[in-house]
Full PDB file with SEQRES, HELIX, SHEET, SSBOND, CRYST1, ORIGX, SCALE, CONECT and MASTER records, all heavy atoms in Angstrom:
SEQRES   1 A   33  TYR PHE GLU THR LEU ARG ARG LEU ARG VAL GLU ASP SER          
SEQRES   2 A   33  ARG PHE GLN TYR ILE ALA ARG GLN VAL PRO ALA SER LYS          
SEQRES   3 A   33  ALA GLU LYS VAL VAL ALA ASP                                  
HELIX    1 AA1 PHE A    2  LEU A    8  1                                   7    
HELIX    2 AA2 ALA A   24  ALA A   32  1                                   9    
CRYST1    1.000    1.000    1.000  90.00  90.00  90.00 P 1           1          
ORIGX1      1.000000  0.000000  0.000000        0.00000                         
ORIGX2      0.000000  1.000000  0.000000        0.00000                         
ORIGX3      0.000000  0.000000  1.000000        0.00000                         
SCALE1      1.000000  0.000000  0.000000        0.00000                         
SCALE2      0.000000  1.000000  0.000000        0.00000                         
SCALE3      0.000000  0.000000  1.000000        0.00000                         
ATOM      1  N   TYR A   1       5.535  -0.979  -9.551  1.00  0.00           N  
ATOM      2  CA  TYR A   1       6.724  -0.716  -8.613  1.00  0.00           C  
ATOM      3  C   TYR A   1       7.075   0.710  -8.481  1.00  0.00           C  
ATOM      4  O   TYR A   1       7.173   1.227  -7.315  1.00  0.00           O  
ATOM      5  CB  TYR A   1       7.998  -1.446  -9.130  1.00  0.00           C  
ATOM      6  CG  TYR A   1       9.172  -1.095  -8.270  1.00  0.00           C  
ATOM      7  CD1 TYR A   1       9.481  -1.697  -7.057  1.00  0.00           C  
ATOM      8  CD2 TYR A   1      10.130  -0.028  -8.867  1.00  0.00           C  
ATOM      9  CE1 TYR A   1      10.644  -1.347  -6.365  1.00  0.00           C  
ATOM     10  CE2 TYR A   1      11.275   0.218  -8.092  1.00  0.00           C  
ATOM     11  CZ  TYR A   1      11.462  -0.376  -6.862  1.00  0.00           C  
ATOM     12  OH  TYR A   1      12.672   0.027  -6.218  1.00  0.00           O  
ATOM     13  N   PHE A   2       7.203   1.429  -9.494  1.00  0.00           N  
ATOM     14  CA  PHE A   2       7.645   2.820  -9.518  1.00  0.00           C  
ATOM     15  C   PHE A   2       6.551   3.724  -8.881  1.00  0.00           C  
ATOM     16  O   PHE A   2       6.875   4.582  -8.030  1.00  0.00           O  
ATOM     17  CB  PHE A   2       7.985   3.348 -10.865  1.00  0.00           C  
ATOM     18  CG  PHE A   2       9.268   2.709 -11.441  1.00  0.00           C  
ATOM     19  CD1 PHE A   2       9.107   1.742 -12.412  1.00  0.00           C  
ATOM     20  CD2 PHE A   2      10.503   2.919 -10.908  1.00  0.00           C  
ATOM     21  CE1 PHE A   2      10.147   1.047 -12.962  1.00  0.00           C  
ATOM     22  CE2 PHE A   2      11.623   2.224 -11.428  1.00  0.00           C  
ATOM     23  CZ  PHE A   2      11.449   1.319 -12.439  1.00  0.00           C  
ATOM     24  N   GLU A   3       5.182   3.492  -9.172  1.00  0.00           N  
ATOM     25  CA  GLU A   3       4.250   4.299  -8.509  1.00  0.00           C  
ATOM     26  C   GLU A   3       4.132   4.000  -7.090  1.00  0.00           C  
ATOM     27  O   GLU A   3       3.924   4.871  -6.238  1.00  0.00           O  
ATOM     28  CB  GLU A   3       2.869   4.050  -9.282  1.00  0.00           C  
ATOM     29  CG  GLU A   3       1.659   4.638  -8.633  1.00  0.00           C  
ATOM     30  CD  GLU A   3       1.743   6.179  -8.740  1.00  0.00           C  
ATOM     31  OE1 GLU A   3       2.576   6.741  -9.399  1.00  0.00           O  
ATOM     32  OE2 GLU A   3       0.924   6.811  -7.993  1.00  0.00           O  
ATOM     33  N   THR A   4       4.274   2.693  -6.812  1.00  0.00           N  
ATOM     34  CA  THR A   4       4.290   2.393  -5.276  1.00  0.00           C  
ATOM     35  C   THR A   4       5.487   2.983  -4.547  1.00  0.00           C  
ATOM     36  O   THR A   4       5.287   3.496  -3.484  1.00  0.00           O  
ATOM     37  CB  THR A   4       4.348   0.799  -5.169  1.00  0.00           C  
ATOM     38  OG1 THR A   4       3.224   0.243  -5.805  1.00  0.00           O  
ATOM     39  CG2 THR A   4       4.274   0.435  -3.631  1.00  0.00           C  
ATOM     40  N   LEU A   5       6.621   2.968  -5.160  1.00  0.00           N  
ATOM     41  CA  LEU A   5       7.822   3.620  -4.495  1.00  0.00           C  
ATOM     42  C   LEU A   5       7.558   5.041  -4.261  1.00  0.00           C  
ATOM     43  O   LEU A   5       7.881   5.668  -3.236  1.00  0.00           O  
ATOM     44  CB  LEU A   5       8.983   3.394  -5.464  1.00  0.00           C  
ATOM     45  CG  LEU A   5      10.431   3.947  -5.013  1.00  0.00           C  
ATOM     46  CD1 LEU A   5      10.802   3.257  -3.701  1.00  0.00           C  
ATOM     47  CD2 LEU A   5      11.408   3.902  -6.013  1.00  0.00           C  
ATOM     48  N   ARG A   6       6.910   5.733  -5.336  1.00  0.00           N  
ATOM     49  CA  ARG A   6       6.700   7.184  -5.098  1.00  0.00           C  
ATOM     50  C   ARG A   6       5.675   7.355  -3.922  1.00  0.00           C  
ATOM     51  O   ARG A   6       5.914   8.256  -3.134  1.00  0.00           O  
ATOM     52  CB  ARG A   6       6.006   7.712  -6.409  1.00  0.00           C  
ATOM     53  CG  ARG A   6       5.662   9.195  -6.358  1.00  0.00           C  
ATOM     54  CD  ARG A   6       4.970   9.643  -7.547  1.00  0.00           C  
ATOM     55  NE  ARG A   6       3.565   9.155  -7.406  1.00  0.00           N  
ATOM     56  CZ  ARG A   6       2.687   9.757  -6.541  1.00  0.00           C  
ATOM     57  NH1 ARG A   6       3.004  10.819  -5.854  1.00  0.00           N  
ATOM     58  NH2 ARG A   6       1.457   9.255  -6.569  1.00  0.00           N  
ATOM     59  N   ARG A   7       4.637   6.577  -3.816  1.00  0.00           N  
ATOM     60  CA  ARG A   7       3.679   6.680  -2.816  1.00  0.00           C  
ATOM     61  C   ARG A   7       4.260   6.418  -1.419  1.00  0.00           C  
ATOM     62  O   ARG A   7       3.921   7.133  -0.434  1.00  0.00           O  
ATOM     63  CB  ARG A   7       2.418   5.822  -3.011  1.00  0.00           C  
ATOM     64  CG  ARG A   7       1.659   6.235  -4.183  1.00  0.00           C  
ATOM     65  CD  ARG A   7       0.470   5.295  -4.456  1.00  0.00           C  
ATOM     66  NE  ARG A   7      -0.310   5.819  -5.575  1.00  0.00           N  
ATOM     67  CZ  ARG A   7      -1.338   6.606  -5.553  1.00  0.00           C  
ATOM     68  NH1 ARG A   7      -1.582   7.142  -4.381  1.00  0.00           N  
ATOM     69  NH2 ARG A   7      -1.922   7.089  -6.610  1.00  0.00           N  
ATOM     70  N   LEU A   8       5.187   5.534  -1.319  1.00  0.00           N  
ATOM     71  CA  LEU A   8       5.877   5.158  -0.035  1.00  0.00           C  
ATOM     72  C   LEU A   8       6.709   6.251   0.372  1.00  0.00           C  
ATOM     73  O   LEU A   8       7.148   6.286   1.625  1.00  0.00           O  
ATOM     74  CB  LEU A   8       6.611   3.956  -0.217  1.00  0.00           C  
ATOM     75  CG  LEU A   8       5.811   2.618  -0.444  1.00  0.00           C  
ATOM     76  CD1 LEU A   8       6.736   1.462  -0.760  1.00  0.00           C  
ATOM     77  CD2 LEU A   8       4.905   2.297   0.707  1.00  0.00           C  
ATOM     78  N   ARG A   9       7.097   7.216  -0.432  1.00  0.00           N  
ATOM     79  CA  ARG A   9       8.001   8.295  -0.168  1.00  0.00           C  
ATOM     80  C   ARG A   9       7.369   9.711  -0.056  1.00  0.00           C  
ATOM     81  O   ARG A   9       8.069  10.695   0.065  1.00  0.00           O  
ATOM     82  CB  ARG A   9       9.201   8.356  -1.128  1.00  0.00           C  
ATOM     83  CG  ARG A   9      10.180   7.092  -0.983  1.00  0.00           C  
ATOM     84  CD  ARG A   9      11.106   7.143  -2.165  1.00  0.00           C  
ATOM     85  NE  ARG A   9      12.279   6.344  -1.863  1.00  0.00           N  
ATOM     86  CZ  ARG A   9      13.171   6.091  -2.788  1.00  0.00           C  
ATOM     87  NH1 ARG A   9      13.069   6.482  -3.902  1.00  0.00           N  
ATOM     88  NH2 ARG A   9      14.194   5.293  -2.461  1.00  0.00           N  
ATOM     89  N   VAL A  10       6.080   9.803  -0.209  1.00  0.00           N  
ATOM     90  CA  VAL A  10       5.415  11.129  -0.338  1.00  0.00           C  
ATOM     91  C   VAL A  10       5.698  11.856   0.841  1.00  0.00           C  
ATOM     92  O   VAL A  10       5.412  11.341   2.047  1.00  0.00           O  
ATOM     93  CB  VAL A  10       3.925  10.933  -0.566  1.00  0.00           C  
ATOM     94  CG1 VAL A  10       3.185  12.260  -0.455  1.00  0.00           C  
ATOM     95  CG2 VAL A  10       3.622  10.292  -1.904  1.00  0.00           C  
ATOM     96  N   GLU A  11       6.080  13.054   0.760  1.00  0.00           N  
ATOM     97  CA  GLU A  11       6.356  13.977   1.995  1.00  0.00           C  
ATOM     98  C   GLU A  11       5.097  14.508   2.477  1.00  0.00           C  
ATOM     99  O   GLU A  11       4.064  14.732   1.822  1.00  0.00           O  
ATOM    100  CB  GLU A  11       7.219  15.156   1.455  1.00  0.00           C  
ATOM    101  CG  GLU A  11       8.636  14.730   1.000  1.00  0.00           C  
ATOM    102  CD  GLU A  11       9.563  14.090   2.137  1.00  0.00           C  
ATOM    103  OE1 GLU A  11       9.267  14.582   3.355  1.00  0.00           O  
ATOM    104  OE2 GLU A  11      10.532  13.434   1.865  1.00  0.00           O  
ATOM    105  N   ASP A  12       5.147  14.762   3.874  1.00  0.00           N  
ATOM    106  CA  ASP A  12       3.982  15.476   4.532  1.00  0.00           C  
ATOM    107  C   ASP A  12       2.654  14.714   4.335  1.00  0.00           C  
ATOM    108  O   ASP A  12       1.625  15.273   4.247  1.00  0.00           O  
ATOM    109  CB  ASP A  12       3.871  16.942   4.111  1.00  0.00           C  
ATOM    110  CG  ASP A  12       5.163  17.752   4.389  1.00  0.00           C  
ATOM    111  OD1 ASP A  12       5.728  17.469   5.469  1.00  0.00           O  
ATOM    112  OD2 ASP A  12       5.531  18.542   3.552  1.00  0.00           O  
ATOM    113  N   SER A  13       2.800  13.322   4.196  1.00  0.00           N  
ATOM    114  CA  SER A  13       1.563  12.490   4.165  1.00  0.00           C  
ATOM    115  C   SER A  13       1.595  11.427   5.142  1.00  0.00           C  
ATOM    116  O   SER A  13       2.640  10.909   5.387  1.00  0.00           O  
ATOM    117  CB  SER A  13       1.370  12.017   2.724  1.00  0.00           C  
ATOM    118  OG  SER A  13       0.262  11.157   2.636  1.00  0.00           O  
ATOM    119  N   ARG A  14       0.492  11.137   5.710  1.00  0.00           N  
ATOM    120  CA  ARG A  14       0.345  10.042   6.734  1.00  0.00           C  
ATOM    121  C   ARG A  14      -0.483   8.912   6.102  1.00  0.00           C  
ATOM    122  O   ARG A  14      -0.743   7.826   6.816  1.00  0.00           O  
ATOM    123  CB  ARG A  14      -0.304  10.508   7.985  1.00  0.00           C  
ATOM    124  CG  ARG A  14       0.563  11.581   8.690  1.00  0.00           C  
ATOM    125  CD  ARG A  14       2.020  11.242   8.994  1.00  0.00           C  
ATOM    126  NE  ARG A  14       2.026   9.955   9.784  1.00  0.00           N  
ATOM    127  CZ  ARG A  14       1.899   9.956  11.119  1.00  0.00           C  
ATOM    128  NH1 ARG A  14       1.644  10.992  11.867  1.00  0.00           N  
ATOM    129  NH2 ARG A  14       2.032   8.746  11.708  1.00  0.00           N  
ATOM    130  N   PHE A  15      -1.070   9.027   4.864  1.00  0.00           N  
ATOM    131  CA  PHE A  15      -1.987   8.060   4.272  1.00  0.00           C  
ATOM    132  C   PHE A  15      -1.858   8.091   2.761  1.00  0.00           C  
ATOM    133  O   PHE A  15      -2.003   9.038   2.094  1.00  0.00           O  
ATOM    134  CB  PHE A  15      -3.434   8.401   4.628  1.00  0.00           C  
ATOM    135  CG  PHE A  15      -4.422   7.413   4.302  1.00  0.00           C  
ATOM    136  CD1 PHE A  15      -4.847   6.432   5.155  1.00  0.00           C  
ATOM    137  CD2 PHE A  15      -5.005   7.410   3.034  1.00  0.00           C  
ATOM    138  CE1 PHE A  15      -5.895   5.565   4.838  1.00  0.00           C  
ATOM    139  CE2 PHE A  15      -5.974   6.463   2.646  1.00  0.00           C  
ATOM    140  CZ  PHE A  15      -6.353   5.637   3.557  1.00  0.00           C  
ATOM    141  N   GLN A  16      -1.416   6.868   2.208  1.00  0.00           N  
ATOM    142  CA  GLN A  16      -1.390   6.751   0.771  1.00  0.00           C  
ATOM    143  C   GLN A  16      -1.912   5.387   0.423  1.00  0.00           C  
ATOM    144  O   GLN A  16      -1.618   4.271   1.029  1.00  0.00           O  
ATOM    145  CB  GLN A  16       0.115   6.877   0.328  1.00  0.00           C  
ATOM    146  CG  GLN A  16       0.721   8.283   0.276  1.00  0.00           C  
ATOM    147  CD  GLN A  16       0.068   9.120  -0.742  1.00  0.00           C  
ATOM    148  OE1 GLN A  16      -0.070   8.672  -1.846  1.00  0.00           O  
ATOM    149  NE2 GLN A  16      -0.354  10.183  -0.403  1.00  0.00           N  
ATOM    150  N   TYR A  17      -2.825   5.395  -0.670  1.00  0.00           N  
ATOM    151  CA  TYR A  17      -3.244   4.123  -1.164  1.00  0.00           C  
ATOM    152  C   TYR A  17      -2.175   3.338  -1.826  1.00  0.00           C  
ATOM    153  O   TYR A  17      -1.443   3.904  -2.605  1.00  0.00           O  
ATOM    154  CB  TYR A  17      -4.415   4.318  -2.097  1.00  0.00           C  
ATOM    155  CG  TYR A  17      -5.712   4.855  -1.691  1.00  0.00           C  
ATOM    156  CD1 TYR A  17      -6.046   6.134  -1.818  1.00  0.00           C  
ATOM    157  CD2 TYR A  17      -6.570   4.048  -0.845  1.00  0.00           C  
ATOM    158  CE1 TYR A  17      -7.286   6.671  -1.312  1.00  0.00           C  
ATOM    159  CE2 TYR A  17      -7.736   4.572  -0.353  1.00  0.00           C  
ATOM    160  CZ  TYR A  17      -8.113   5.788  -0.647  1.00  0.00           C  
ATOM    161  OH  TYR A  17      -9.251   6.348  -0.092  1.00  0.00           O  
ATOM    162  N   ILE A  18      -2.074   2.058  -1.616  1.00  0.00           N  
ATOM    163  CA  ILE A  18      -1.151   1.247  -2.340  1.00  0.00           C  
ATOM    164  C   ILE A  18      -1.864   0.233  -3.299  1.00  0.00           C  
ATOM    165  O   ILE A  18      -1.556   0.119  -4.374  1.00  0.00           O  
ATOM    166  CB  ILE A  18      -0.221   0.367  -1.263  1.00  0.00           C  
ATOM    167  CG1 ILE A  18       0.564   1.283  -0.410  1.00  0.00           C  
ATOM    168  CG2 ILE A  18       0.742  -0.614  -2.058  1.00  0.00           C  
ATOM    169  CD1 ILE A  18       1.483   2.248  -1.187  1.00  0.00           C  
ATOM    170  N   ALA A  19      -2.992  -0.411  -2.761  1.00  0.00           N  
ATOM    171  CA  ALA A  19      -3.778  -1.225  -3.568  1.00  0.00           C  
ATOM    172  C   ALA A  19      -5.238  -1.067  -3.172  1.00  0.00           C  
ATOM    173  O   ALA A  19      -5.501  -1.084  -1.959  1.00  0.00           O  
ATOM    174  CB  ALA A  19      -3.271  -2.712  -3.556  1.00  0.00           C  
ATOM    175  N   ARG A  20      -6.114  -1.189  -4.094  1.00  0.00           N  
ATOM    176  CA  ARG A  20      -7.617  -1.126  -3.825  1.00  0.00           C  
ATOM    177  C   ARG A  20      -8.325  -2.406  -4.119  1.00  0.00           C  
ATOM    178  O   ARG A  20      -7.908  -3.137  -5.011  1.00  0.00           O  
ATOM    179  CB  ARG A  20      -8.236   0.054  -4.516  1.00  0.00           C  
ATOM    180  CG  ARG A  20      -7.747   1.404  -4.186  1.00  0.00           C  
ATOM    181  CD  ARG A  20      -8.151   1.923  -2.893  1.00  0.00           C  
ATOM    182  NE  ARG A  20      -9.538   1.863  -2.574  1.00  0.00           N  
ATOM    183  CZ  ARG A  20     -10.423   2.660  -2.771  1.00  0.00           C  
ATOM    184  NH1 ARG A  20     -10.053   3.921  -3.377  1.00  0.00           N  
ATOM    185  NH2 ARG A  20     -11.647   2.610  -2.489  1.00  0.00           N  
ATOM    186  N   GLN A  21      -9.351  -2.682  -3.333  1.00  0.00           N  
ATOM    187  CA  GLN A  21     -10.256  -3.800  -3.554  1.00  0.00           C  
ATOM    188  C   GLN A  21      -9.438  -5.110  -3.698  1.00  0.00           C  
ATOM    189  O   GLN A  21      -9.576  -5.882  -4.733  1.00  0.00           O  
ATOM    190  CB  GLN A  21     -11.109  -3.577  -4.804  1.00  0.00           C  
ATOM    191  CG  GLN A  21     -12.074  -2.446  -4.716  1.00  0.00           C  
ATOM    192  CD  GLN A  21     -13.199  -2.430  -5.663  1.00  0.00           C  
ATOM    193  OE1 GLN A  21     -13.088  -2.962  -6.797  1.00  0.00           O  
ATOM    194  NE2 GLN A  21     -14.308  -1.877  -5.292  1.00  0.00           N  
ATOM    195  N   VAL A  22      -8.696  -5.427  -2.756  1.00  0.00           N  
ATOM    196  CA  VAL A  22      -7.969  -6.622  -2.603  1.00  0.00           C  
ATOM    197  C   VAL A  22      -8.728  -7.657  -1.882  1.00  0.00           C  
ATOM    198  O   VAL A  22      -9.335  -7.263  -0.760  1.00  0.00           O  
ATOM    199  CB  VAL A  22      -6.566  -6.454  -2.075  1.00  0.00           C  
ATOM    200  CG1 VAL A  22      -5.726  -7.756  -1.953  1.00  0.00           C  
ATOM    201  CG2 VAL A  22      -5.790  -5.311  -2.723  1.00  0.00           C  
ATOM    202  N   PRO A  23      -8.828  -8.832  -2.308  1.00  0.00           N  
ATOM    203  CA  PRO A  23      -9.492  -9.908  -1.373  1.00  0.00           C  
ATOM    204  C   PRO A  23      -9.000  -9.806  -0.039  1.00  0.00           C  
ATOM    205  O   PRO A  23      -7.750  -9.803   0.218  1.00  0.00           O  
ATOM    206  CB  PRO A  23      -9.253 -11.241  -2.112  1.00  0.00           C  
ATOM    207  CG  PRO A  23      -9.014 -10.834  -3.571  1.00  0.00           C  
ATOM    208  CD  PRO A  23      -8.496  -9.511  -3.535  1.00  0.00           C  
ATOM    209  N   ALA A  24      -9.901  -9.870   0.969  1.00  0.00           N  
ATOM    210  CA  ALA A  24      -9.520  -9.596   2.384  1.00  0.00           C  
ATOM    211  C   ALA A  24      -8.362 -10.532   2.835  1.00  0.00           C  
ATOM    212  O   ALA A  24      -7.370 -10.067   3.403  1.00  0.00           O  
ATOM    213  CB  ALA A  24     -10.733  -9.806   3.327  1.00  0.00           C  
ATOM    214  N   SER A  25      -8.504 -11.826   2.560  1.00  0.00           N  
ATOM    215  CA  SER A  25      -7.414 -12.869   3.122  1.00  0.00           C  
ATOM    216  C   SER A  25      -6.120 -12.462   2.491  1.00  0.00           C  
ATOM    217  O   SER A  25      -5.004 -12.563   3.167  1.00  0.00           O  
ATOM    218  CB  SER A  25      -7.890 -14.212   2.758  1.00  0.00           C  
ATOM    219  OG  SER A  25      -8.032 -14.419   1.304  1.00  0.00           O  
ATOM    220  N   LYS A  26      -6.035 -12.079   1.219  1.00  0.00           N  
ATOM    221  CA  LYS A  26      -4.810 -11.880   0.575  1.00  0.00           C  
ATOM    222  C   LYS A  26      -4.187 -10.553   1.077  1.00  0.00           C  
ATOM    223  O   LYS A  26      -2.991 -10.459   1.376  1.00  0.00           O  
ATOM    224  CB  LYS A  26      -4.999 -11.587  -0.923  1.00  0.00           C  
ATOM    225  CG  LYS A  26      -3.746 -11.391  -1.819  1.00  0.00           C  
ATOM    226  CD  LYS A  26      -4.112 -11.245  -3.296  1.00  0.00           C  
ATOM    227  CE  LYS A  26      -2.800 -10.953  -4.061  1.00  0.00           C  
ATOM    228  NZ  LYS A  26      -3.159 -10.863  -5.457  1.00  0.00           N  
ATOM    229  N   ALA A  27      -5.026  -9.521   1.235  1.00  0.00           N  
ATOM    230  CA  ALA A  27      -4.468  -8.253   1.769  1.00  0.00           C  
ATOM    231  C   ALA A  27      -3.875  -8.398   3.115  1.00  0.00           C  
ATOM    232  O   ALA A  27      -2.812  -7.917   3.515  1.00  0.00           O  
ATOM    233  CB  ALA A  27      -5.516  -7.140   1.728  1.00  0.00           C  
ATOM    234  N   GLU A  28      -4.676  -9.063   4.041  1.00  0.00           N  
ATOM    235  CA  GLU A  28      -4.171  -9.260   5.426  1.00  0.00           C  
ATOM    236  C   GLU A  28      -2.910 -10.080   5.464  1.00  0.00           C  
ATOM    237  O   GLU A  28      -2.053  -9.808   6.425  1.00  0.00           O  
ATOM    238  CB  GLU A  28      -5.266  -9.822   6.265  1.00  0.00           C  
ATOM    239  CG  GLU A  28      -6.492  -8.782   6.395  1.00  0.00           C  
ATOM    240  CD  GLU A  28      -7.806  -9.372   6.873  1.00  0.00           C  
ATOM    241  OE1 GLU A  28      -7.914 -10.663   7.058  1.00  0.00           O  
ATOM    242  OE2 GLU A  28      -8.755  -8.587   7.043  1.00  0.00           O  
ATOM    243  N   LYS A  29      -2.783 -11.167   4.636  1.00  0.00           N  
ATOM    244  CA  LYS A  29      -1.600 -11.942   4.681  1.00  0.00           C  
ATOM    245  C   LYS A  29      -0.428 -11.110   4.258  1.00  0.00           C  
ATOM    246  O   LYS A  29       0.655 -11.208   4.888  1.00  0.00           O  
ATOM    247  CB  LYS A  29      -1.783 -13.091   3.784  1.00  0.00           C  
ATOM    248  CG  LYS A  29      -0.547 -14.057   3.585  1.00  0.00           C  
ATOM    249  CD  LYS A  29      -0.478 -14.886   4.874  1.00  0.00           C  
ATOM    250  CE  LYS A  29       0.476 -15.997   4.795  1.00  0.00           C  
ATOM    251  NZ  LYS A  29       1.891 -15.597   4.677  1.00  0.00           N  
ATOM    252  N   VAL A  30      -0.524 -10.325   3.231  1.00  0.00           N  
ATOM    253  CA  VAL A  30       0.619  -9.584   2.751  1.00  0.00           C  
ATOM    254  C   VAL A  30       1.076  -8.558   3.839  1.00  0.00           C  
ATOM    255  O   VAL A  30       2.318  -8.401   4.135  1.00  0.00           O  
ATOM    256  CB  VAL A  30       0.286  -8.782   1.436  1.00  0.00           C  
ATOM    257  CG1 VAL A  30       1.368  -7.783   1.087  1.00  0.00           C  
ATOM    258  CG2 VAL A  30       0.128  -9.756   0.288  1.00  0.00           C  
ATOM    259  N   VAL A  31       0.102  -7.882   4.460  1.00  0.00           N  
ATOM    260  CA  VAL A  31       0.486  -6.892   5.440  1.00  0.00           C  
ATOM    261  C   VAL A  31       0.996  -7.517   6.596  1.00  0.00           C  
ATOM    262  O   VAL A  31       2.077  -7.083   7.227  1.00  0.00           O  
ATOM    263  CB  VAL A  31      -0.777  -5.994   5.869  1.00  0.00           C  
ATOM    264  CG1 VAL A  31      -0.476  -5.161   6.990  1.00  0.00           C  
ATOM    265  CG2 VAL A  31      -1.247  -5.152   4.582  1.00  0.00           C  
ATOM    266  N   ALA A  32       0.506  -8.687   7.047  1.00  0.00           N  
ATOM    267  CA  ALA A  32       1.026  -9.374   8.219  1.00  0.00           C  
ATOM    268  C   ALA A  32       2.475  -9.794   8.004  1.00  0.00           C  
ATOM    269  O   ALA A  32       3.345  -9.729   8.870  1.00  0.00           O  
ATOM    270  CB  ALA A  32       0.179 -10.596   8.512  1.00  0.00           C  
ATOM    271  N   ASP A  33       2.687 -10.294   6.758  1.00  0.00           N  
ATOM    272  CA  ASP A  33       4.085 -10.698   6.455  1.00  0.00           C  
ATOM    273  C   ASP A  33       5.042  -9.552   6.474  1.00  0.00           C  
ATOM    274  O   ASP A  33       6.240  -9.617   6.981  1.00  0.00           O  
ATOM    275  CB  ASP A  33       4.166 -11.327   5.083  1.00  0.00           C  
ATOM    276  CG  ASP A  33       3.423 -12.679   5.047  1.00  0.00           C  
ATOM    277  OD1 ASP A  33       3.130 -13.229   6.173  1.00  0.00           O  
ATOM    278  OD2 ASP A  33       3.207 -13.283   3.989  1.00  0.00           O  
TER     279      ASP A  33                                                      
MASTER        0    0    0    2    0    0    0    6  278    1    0    3          
END                                                                             
């Protein structure tokens, strides 16, 4: 949670990794929701 919170607030950035190598169906469902 805390690392994700930090990444969601990074200044002067337009791209931050949140999770890597997630099964495609799972990742797309989370983002769609």
